[in-house]
Amino acid sequence: MRCADASWGITPTVADALPRLSTEQVLQLEEIELPDLISIELNTAHEGAETFRALDKLSTGQQCTAILHLLLLQNLDPLLMDQPEDNLDNAFIADRIVTELRSAKIARQFIFATHNANIPVFGDAEWIGVLR
């Protein structure tokens, strides 16, 4: 699409009026602050397909999955989590979370309080402390 062909949602009436604006009016348009709109979505389809659903339309486990992926993004800050496995199934933990932890632990510290042995064992934990 060429720029001349794009309307960007501007009606012909507005497009005709824009060249007639005063300098002050143009500057006011340039000052308009548009808020960022954030939409978190998760692909809920299985391999090969894409079916994205909004965070508020997901189950509790799916919401935890979406947020956990955000927490594991490229970041160097330490991450402290209490029972990250709650509401997540073991297959997801073993397939996705543990894989992401193993690659990220080189540059980032993770501290988990967990009842699920899959995370520290398969995540190749450096130190495991058992509390009674």
N, C-alpha and C. Protein backbone atom coordinates (compact mmCIF):
# COMPACT_ATOMS: atom_id res chain seq x y z
N MET A 1 0.85 -1.17 0.00
CA MET A 1 0.00 0.00 0.00
C MET A 1 0.89 1.23 0.00
N ARG A 2 0.58 2.15 -0.86
CA ARG A 2 1.32 3.42 -0.90
C ARG A 2 0.67 4.40 0.05
N CYS A 3 1.45 5.36 0.55
CA CYS A 3 0.93 6.36 1.48
C CYS A 3 -0.23 7.14 0.88
N ALA A 4 -0.17 7.42 -0.40
CA ALA A 4 -1.24 8.20 -1.04
C ALA A 4 -2.55 7.42 -1.06
N ASP A 5 -2.45 6.09 -1.00
CA ASP A 5 -3.65 5.26 -1.03
C ASP A 5 -4.25 5.03 0.36
N ALA A 6 -3.49 5.31 1.41
CA ALA A 6 -3.94 5.03 2.77
C ALA A 6 -4.79 6.17 3.29
N SER A 7 -5.84 5.84 4.03
CA SER A 7 -6.69 6.88 4.60
C SER A 7 -6.48 7.01 6.11
N TRP A 8 -5.91 6.00 6.76
CA TRP A 8 -5.66 5.99 8.20
C TRP A 8 -6.91 6.35 8.99
N GLY A 9 -8.07 6.03 8.49
CA GLY A 9 -9.31 6.29 9.19
C GLY A 9 -9.78 7.73 9.15
N ILE A 10 -9.18 8.56 8.30
CA ILE A 10 -9.57 9.97 8.20
C ILE A 10 -10.61 10.10 7.10
N THR A 11 -11.71 10.73 7.45
CA THR A 11 -12.78 10.93 6.46
C THR A 11 -12.36 11.99 5.44
N PRO A 12 -12.96 11.99 4.26
CA PRO A 12 -12.63 13.01 3.26
C PRO A 12 -12.86 14.44 3.77
N THR A 13 -13.87 14.64 4.59
CA THR A 13 -14.16 15.97 5.14
C THR A 13 -13.00 16.45 6.01
N VAL A 14 -12.52 15.57 6.88
CA VAL A 14 -11.40 15.93 7.76
C VAL A 14 -10.14 16.15 6.92
N ALA A 15 -9.91 15.31 5.93
CA ALA A 15 -8.74 15.45 5.07
C ALA A 15 -8.75 16.80 4.35
N ASP A 16 -9.93 17.25 3.92
CA ASP A 16 -10.03 18.55 3.25
C ASP A 16 -9.79 19.71 4.23
N ALA A 17 -10.15 19.52 5.50
CA ALA A 17 -10.02 20.59 6.49
C ALA A 17 -8.59 20.73 7.02
N LEU A 18 -7.81 19.67 7.00
CA LEU A 18 -6.46 19.72 7.57
C LEU A 18 -5.57 20.80 6.96
N PRO A 19 -5.53 20.99 5.65
CA PRO A 19 -4.65 22.04 5.10
C PRO A 19 -5.05 23.46 5.50
N ARG A 20 -6.29 23.63 5.94
CA ARG A 20 -6.76 24.97 6.31
C ARG A 20 -6.51 25.30 7.79
N LEU A 21 -5.93 24.38 8.54
CA LEU A 21 -5.67 24.64 9.96
C LEU A 21 -4.57 25.69 10.12
N SER A 22 -4.71 26.47 11.18
CA SER A 22 -3.66 27.45 11.49
C SER A 22 -2.45 26.72 12.08
N THR A 23 -1.32 27.41 12.14
CA THR A 23 -0.11 26.82 12.71
C THR A 23 -0.36 26.39 14.16
N GLU A 24 -1.06 27.22 14.91
CA GLU A 24 -1.35 26.89 16.31
C GLU A 24 -2.19 25.62 16.41
N GLN A 25 -3.18 25.47 15.53
CA GLN A 25 -4.02 24.28 15.55
C GLN A 25 -3.22 23.02 15.18
N VAL A 26 -2.32 23.16 14.22
CA VAL A 26 -1.47 22.02 13.84
C VAL A 26 -0.59 21.61 15.01
N LEU A 27 -0.02 22.60 15.71
CA LEU A 27 0.82 22.29 16.86
C LEU A 27 0.02 21.62 17.97
N GLN A 28 -1.24 22.03 18.15
CA GLN A 28 -2.09 21.39 19.15
C GLN A 28 -2.35 19.93 18.77
N LEU A 29 -2.53 19.65 17.50
CA LEU A 29 -2.71 18.27 17.05
C LEU A 29 -1.47 17.43 17.34
N GLU A 30 -0.31 18.04 17.15
CA GLU A 30 0.94 17.32 17.40
C GLU A 30 1.15 17.04 18.88
N GLU A 31 0.49 17.79 19.75
CA GLU A 31 0.64 17.61 21.19
C GLU A 31 -0.30 16.57 21.77
N ILE A 32 -1.23 16.08 21.00
CA ILE A 32 -2.19 15.11 21.52
C ILE A 32 -1.45 13.87 22.00
N GLU A 33 -1.68 13.53 23.26
CA GLU A 33 -1.03 12.37 23.84
C GLU A 33 -1.99 11.19 23.77
N LEU A 34 -1.60 10.19 23.06
CA LEU A 34 -2.43 9.00 22.94
C LEU A 34 -1.94 7.94 23.92
N PRO A 35 -2.84 7.43 24.77
CA PRO A 35 -2.40 6.43 25.75
C PRO A 35 -2.07 5.11 25.07
N ASP A 36 -1.10 4.40 25.66
CA ASP A 36 -0.77 3.08 25.15
C ASP A 36 -1.90 2.12 25.50
N LEU A 37 -2.25 1.28 24.58
CA LEU A 37 -3.25 0.25 24.83
C LEU A 37 -2.53 -1.09 24.86
N ILE A 38 -2.64 -1.78 25.97
CA ILE A 38 -1.95 -3.06 26.12
C ILE A 38 -2.98 -4.17 26.13
N SER A 39 -2.74 -5.15 25.30
CA SER A 39 -3.62 -6.32 25.24
C SER A 39 -2.75 -7.56 25.33
N ILE A 40 -2.95 -8.33 26.39
CA ILE A 40 -2.20 -9.58 26.55
C ILE A 40 -3.07 -10.70 26.03
N GLU A 41 -2.52 -11.46 25.09
CA GLU A 41 -3.24 -12.58 24.50
C GLU A 41 -2.36 -13.82 24.54
N LEU A 42 -3.00 -14.99 24.58
CA LEU A 42 -2.28 -16.26 24.61
C LEU A 42 -2.79 -17.13 23.48
N ASN A 43 -1.86 -17.77 22.79
CA ASN A 43 -2.23 -18.72 21.74
C ASN A 43 -2.68 -20.00 22.43
N THR A 44 -3.97 -20.30 22.39
CA THR A 44 -4.52 -21.46 23.09
C THR A 44 -4.63 -22.68 22.18
N ALA A 45 -4.26 -22.54 20.92
CA ALA A 45 -4.33 -23.67 20.00
C ALA A 45 -3.12 -24.57 20.20
N HIS A 46 -3.26 -25.78 19.72
CA HIS A 46 -2.14 -26.72 19.80
C HIS A 46 -1.23 -26.52 18.60
N GLU A 47 -0.18 -27.27 18.53
CA GLU A 47 0.88 -27.10 17.53
C GLU A 47 0.35 -26.81 16.13
N GLY A 48 0.96 -25.80 15.50
CA GLY A 48 0.66 -25.49 14.11
C GLY A 48 -0.43 -24.46 13.89
N ALA A 49 -1.37 -24.36 14.79
CA ALA A 49 -2.48 -23.43 14.61
C ALA A 49 -2.27 -22.21 15.50
N GLU A 50 -3.02 -21.17 15.21
CA GLU A 50 -2.98 -19.97 16.05
C GLU A 50 -4.39 -19.55 16.41
N THR A 51 -4.71 -19.59 17.68
CA THR A 51 -5.98 -19.12 18.19
C THR A 51 -5.68 -18.28 19.43
N PHE A 52 -5.61 -16.97 19.25
CA PHE A 52 -5.26 -16.09 20.36
C PHE A 52 -6.51 -15.65 21.09
N ARG A 53 -6.44 -15.68 22.43
CA ARG A 53 -7.55 -15.24 23.27
C ARG A 53 -7.05 -14.20 24.27
N ALA A 54 -7.89 -13.21 24.54
CA ALA A 54 -7.54 -12.13 25.48
C ALA A 54 -7.41 -12.68 26.90
N LEU A 55 -6.59 -12.03 27.71
CA LEU A 55 -6.31 -12.47 29.06
C LEU A 55 -7.58 -12.66 29.89
N ASP A 56 -8.54 -11.75 29.75
CA ASP A 56 -9.77 -11.85 30.54
C ASP A 56 -10.70 -12.95 30.07
N LYS A 57 -10.40 -13.59 28.96
CA LYS A 57 -11.21 -14.70 28.43
C LYS A 57 -10.55 -16.06 28.68
N LEU A 58 -9.43 -16.08 29.41
CA LEU A 58 -8.68 -17.30 29.66
C LEU A 58 -9.03 -17.90 31.02
N SER A 59 -8.78 -19.19 31.16
CA SER A 59 -8.93 -19.84 32.46
C SER A 59 -7.81 -19.35 33.38
N THR A 60 -7.92 -19.65 34.66
CA THR A 60 -6.90 -19.22 35.62
C THR A 60 -5.53 -19.77 35.24
N GLY A 61 -5.47 -21.04 34.86
CA GLY A 61 -4.21 -21.65 34.46
C GLY A 61 -3.62 -20.99 33.23
N GLN A 62 -4.48 -20.67 32.27
CA GLN A 62 -4.01 -20.01 31.05
C GLN A 62 -3.53 -18.59 31.36
N GLN A 63 -4.21 -17.89 32.27
CA GLN A 63 -3.76 -16.56 32.67
C GLN A 63 -2.38 -16.63 33.32
N CYS A 64 -2.18 -17.62 34.18
CA CYS A 64 -0.87 -17.81 34.82
C CYS A 64 0.20 -18.09 33.77
N THR A 65 -0.15 -18.88 32.77
CA THR A 65 0.79 -19.19 31.69
C THR A 65 1.21 -17.93 30.96
N ALA A 66 0.25 -17.09 30.60
CA ALA A 66 0.55 -15.85 29.86
C ALA A 66 1.44 -14.92 30.69
N ILE A 67 1.12 -14.75 31.95
CA ILE A 67 1.88 -13.85 32.81
C ILE A 67 3.27 -14.42 33.09
N LEU A 68 3.36 -15.74 33.27
CA LEU A 68 4.67 -16.35 33.52
C LEU A 68 5.60 -16.17 32.33
N HIS A 69 5.06 -16.25 31.13
CA HIS A 69 5.89 -15.99 29.94
C HIS A 69 6.43 -14.56 29.96
N LEU A 70 5.62 -13.61 30.38
CA LEU A 70 6.08 -12.22 30.46
C LEU A 70 7.19 -12.06 31.51
N LEU A 71 7.04 -12.75 32.63
CA LEU A 71 8.04 -12.66 33.69
C LEU A 71 9.38 -13.27 33.27
N LEU A 72 9.33 -14.23 32.35
CA LEU A 72 10.55 -14.91 31.92
C LEU A 72 11.21 -14.26 30.71
N LEU A 73 10.65 -13.16 30.23
CA LEU A 73 11.25 -12.47 29.09
C LEU A 73 12.66 -12.00 29.42
N GLN A 74 13.37 -11.62 28.38
CA GLN A 74 14.75 -11.15 28.53
C GLN A 74 14.81 -10.04 29.58
N ASN A 75 15.37 -10.37 30.72
CA ASN A 75 15.50 -9.44 31.82
C ASN A 75 16.64 -9.93 32.70
N LEU A 76 17.40 -9.05 33.26
CA LEU A 76 18.53 -9.46 34.10
C LEU A 76 18.22 -9.37 35.59
N ASP A 77 17.06 -8.85 35.95
CA ASP A 77 16.71 -8.73 37.36
C ASP A 77 16.41 -10.11 37.95
N PRO A 78 16.75 -10.33 39.22
CA PRO A 78 16.38 -11.60 39.86
C PRO A 78 14.86 -11.74 39.90
N LEU A 79 14.38 -12.97 39.84
CA LEU A 79 12.94 -13.23 39.87
C LEU A 79 12.64 -14.15 41.04
N LEU A 80 11.81 -13.69 41.96
CA LEU A 80 11.40 -14.46 43.13
C LEU A 80 9.93 -14.82 42.96
N MET A 81 9.63 -16.12 43.00
CA MET A 81 8.24 -16.56 42.80
C MET A 81 7.85 -17.60 43.83
N ASP A 82 6.62 -17.50 44.31
CA ASP A 82 6.07 -18.47 45.25
C ASP A 82 5.12 -19.39 44.49
N GLN A 83 5.45 -20.63 44.42
CA GLN A 83 4.66 -21.67 43.77
C GLN A 83 4.21 -21.30 42.35
N PRO A 84 5.14 -21.11 41.45
CA PRO A 84 4.76 -20.75 40.07
C PRO A 84 3.99 -21.86 39.37
N GLU A 85 4.04 -23.07 39.92
CA GLU A 85 3.36 -24.19 39.28
C GLU A 85 1.87 -24.24 39.57
N ASP A 86 1.39 -23.45 40.53
CA ASP A 86 -0.04 -23.46 40.83
C ASP A 86 -0.83 -23.13 39.57
N ASN A 87 -1.85 -23.89 39.32
CA ASN A 87 -2.75 -23.72 38.17
C ASN A 87 -2.10 -24.05 36.83
N LEU A 88 -0.89 -24.61 36.83
CA LEU A 88 -0.24 -25.01 35.58
C LEU A 88 -0.14 -26.53 35.55
N ASP A 89 -0.31 -27.11 34.37
CA ASP A 89 -0.18 -28.57 34.29
C ASP A 89 1.29 -28.97 34.16
N ASN A 90 1.60 -30.20 34.59
CA ASN A 90 2.98 -30.67 34.60
C ASN A 90 3.61 -30.71 33.22
N ALA A 91 2.82 -31.03 32.20
CA ALA A 91 3.36 -31.08 30.83
C ALA A 91 3.85 -29.70 30.41
N PHE A 92 3.07 -28.67 30.72
CA PHE A 92 3.48 -27.30 30.37
C PHE A 92 4.74 -26.91 31.13
N ILE A 93 4.79 -27.26 32.40
CA ILE A 93 5.98 -26.94 33.21
C ILE A 93 7.21 -27.60 32.61
N ALA A 94 7.10 -28.89 32.30
CA ALA A 94 8.26 -29.64 31.78
C ALA A 94 8.64 -29.17 30.38
N ASP A 95 7.66 -28.92 29.53
CA ASP A 95 7.95 -28.58 28.12
C ASP A 95 8.38 -27.14 27.93
N ARG A 96 7.75 -26.22 28.61
CA ARG A 96 7.98 -24.80 28.32
C ARG A 96 8.75 -24.07 29.40
N ILE A 97 8.25 -24.12 30.62
CA ILE A 97 8.85 -23.32 31.69
C ILE A 97 10.27 -23.77 31.99
N VAL A 98 10.46 -25.07 32.15
CA VAL A 98 11.79 -25.59 32.46
C VAL A 98 12.78 -25.25 31.35
N THR A 99 12.34 -25.36 30.10
CA THR A 99 13.21 -25.02 28.97
C THR A 99 13.63 -23.56 29.02
N GLU A 100 12.67 -22.68 29.28
CA GLU A 100 12.98 -21.25 29.36
C GLU A 100 13.89 -20.94 30.55
N LEU A 101 13.67 -21.61 31.66
CA LEU A 101 14.51 -21.39 32.84
C LEU A 101 15.96 -21.80 32.58
N ARG A 102 16.13 -22.94 31.93
CA ARG A 102 17.49 -23.44 31.68
C ARG A 102 18.29 -22.46 30.81
N SER A 103 17.64 -21.86 29.83
CA SER A 103 18.38 -20.92 28.97
C SER A 103 18.57 -19.56 29.65
N ALA A 104 17.62 -19.16 30.48
CA ALA A 104 17.69 -17.83 31.11
C ALA A 104 18.57 -17.80 32.35
N LYS A 105 18.79 -18.95 32.99
CA LYS A 105 19.53 -18.95 34.26
C LYS A 105 21.00 -18.57 34.10
N ILE A 106 21.50 -18.56 32.90
CA ILE A 106 22.88 -18.17 32.65
C ILE A 106 23.09 -16.71 33.03
N ALA A 107 22.09 -15.87 32.78
CA ALA A 107 22.23 -14.44 33.01
C ALA A 107 21.32 -13.89 34.10
N ARG A 108 20.52 -14.76 34.71
CA ARG A 108 19.52 -14.27 35.65
C ARG A 108 19.36 -15.23 36.82
N GLN A 109 19.08 -14.69 37.99
CA GLN A 109 18.88 -15.52 39.17
C GLN A 109 17.39 -15.75 39.39
N PHE A 110 17.02 -17.01 39.65
CA PHE A 110 15.64 -17.38 39.94
C PHE A 110 15.58 -17.99 41.33
N ILE A 111 14.62 -17.54 42.12
CA ILE A 111 14.39 -18.12 43.44
C ILE A 111 12.92 -18.52 43.48
N PHE A 112 12.68 -19.82 43.61
CA PHE A 112 11.32 -20.35 43.62
C PHE A 112 11.04 -21.07 44.93
N ALA A 113 9.86 -20.85 45.47
CA ALA A 113 9.33 -21.68 46.54
C ALA A 113 8.32 -22.58 45.83
N THR A 114 8.56 -23.89 45.84
CA THR A 114 7.73 -24.77 45.04
C THR A 114 7.52 -26.12 45.73
N HIS A 115 6.39 -26.74 45.41
CA HIS A 115 6.10 -28.11 45.86
C HIS A 115 6.31 -29.09 44.71
N ASN A 116 6.67 -28.58 43.54
CA ASN A 116 6.80 -29.39 42.34
C ASN A 116 8.28 -29.63 42.05
N ALA A 117 8.71 -30.87 42.14
CA ALA A 117 10.13 -31.19 41.92
C ALA A 117 10.57 -30.98 40.48
N ASN A 118 9.63 -30.92 39.54
CA ASN A 118 10.00 -30.76 38.12
C ASN A 118 10.78 -29.47 37.87
N ILE A 119 10.40 -28.41 38.54
CA ILE A 119 11.05 -27.12 38.27
C ILE A 119 12.52 -27.13 38.68
N PRO A 120 12.86 -27.47 39.93
CA PRO A 120 14.29 -27.44 40.28
C PRO A 120 15.10 -28.57 39.65
N VAL A 121 14.52 -29.76 39.53
CA VAL A 121 15.27 -30.90 39.01
C VAL A 121 15.51 -30.75 37.51
N PHE A 122 14.45 -30.59 36.74
CA PHE A 122 14.60 -30.48 35.29
C PHE A 122 15.15 -29.11 34.87
N GLY A 123 14.99 -28.10 35.74
CA GLY A 123 15.52 -26.78 35.45
C GLY A 123 16.99 -26.66 35.78
N ASP A 124 17.60 -27.77 36.21
CA ASP A 124 19.03 -27.81 36.50
C ASP A 124 19.40 -26.77 37.55
N ALA A 125 18.70 -26.84 38.70
CA ALA A 125 18.91 -25.89 39.79
C ALA A 125 20.34 -25.98 40.33
N GLU A 126 20.90 -24.84 40.67
CA GLU A 126 22.24 -24.78 41.24
C GLU A 126 22.22 -25.15 42.72
N TRP A 127 21.14 -24.80 43.39
CA TRP A 127 21.03 -25.08 44.81
C TRP A 127 19.57 -25.34 45.13
N ILE A 128 19.31 -26.41 45.90
CA ILE A 128 17.95 -26.73 46.32
C ILE A 128 17.95 -26.79 47.84
N GLY A 129 17.13 -25.98 48.46
CA GLY A 129 16.99 -25.98 49.91
C GLY A 129 15.65 -26.57 50.28
N VAL A 130 15.65 -27.53 51.19
CA VAL A 130 14.41 -28.18 51.62
C VAL A 130 14.02 -27.60 52.97
N LEU A 131 12.80 -27.11 53.07
CA LEU A 131 12.29 -26.54 54.31
C LEU A 131 11.23 -27.46 54.88
N ARG A 132 11.24 -27.60 56.18
CA ARG A 132 10.23 -28.46 56.83
C ARG A 132 9.42 -27.66 57.81
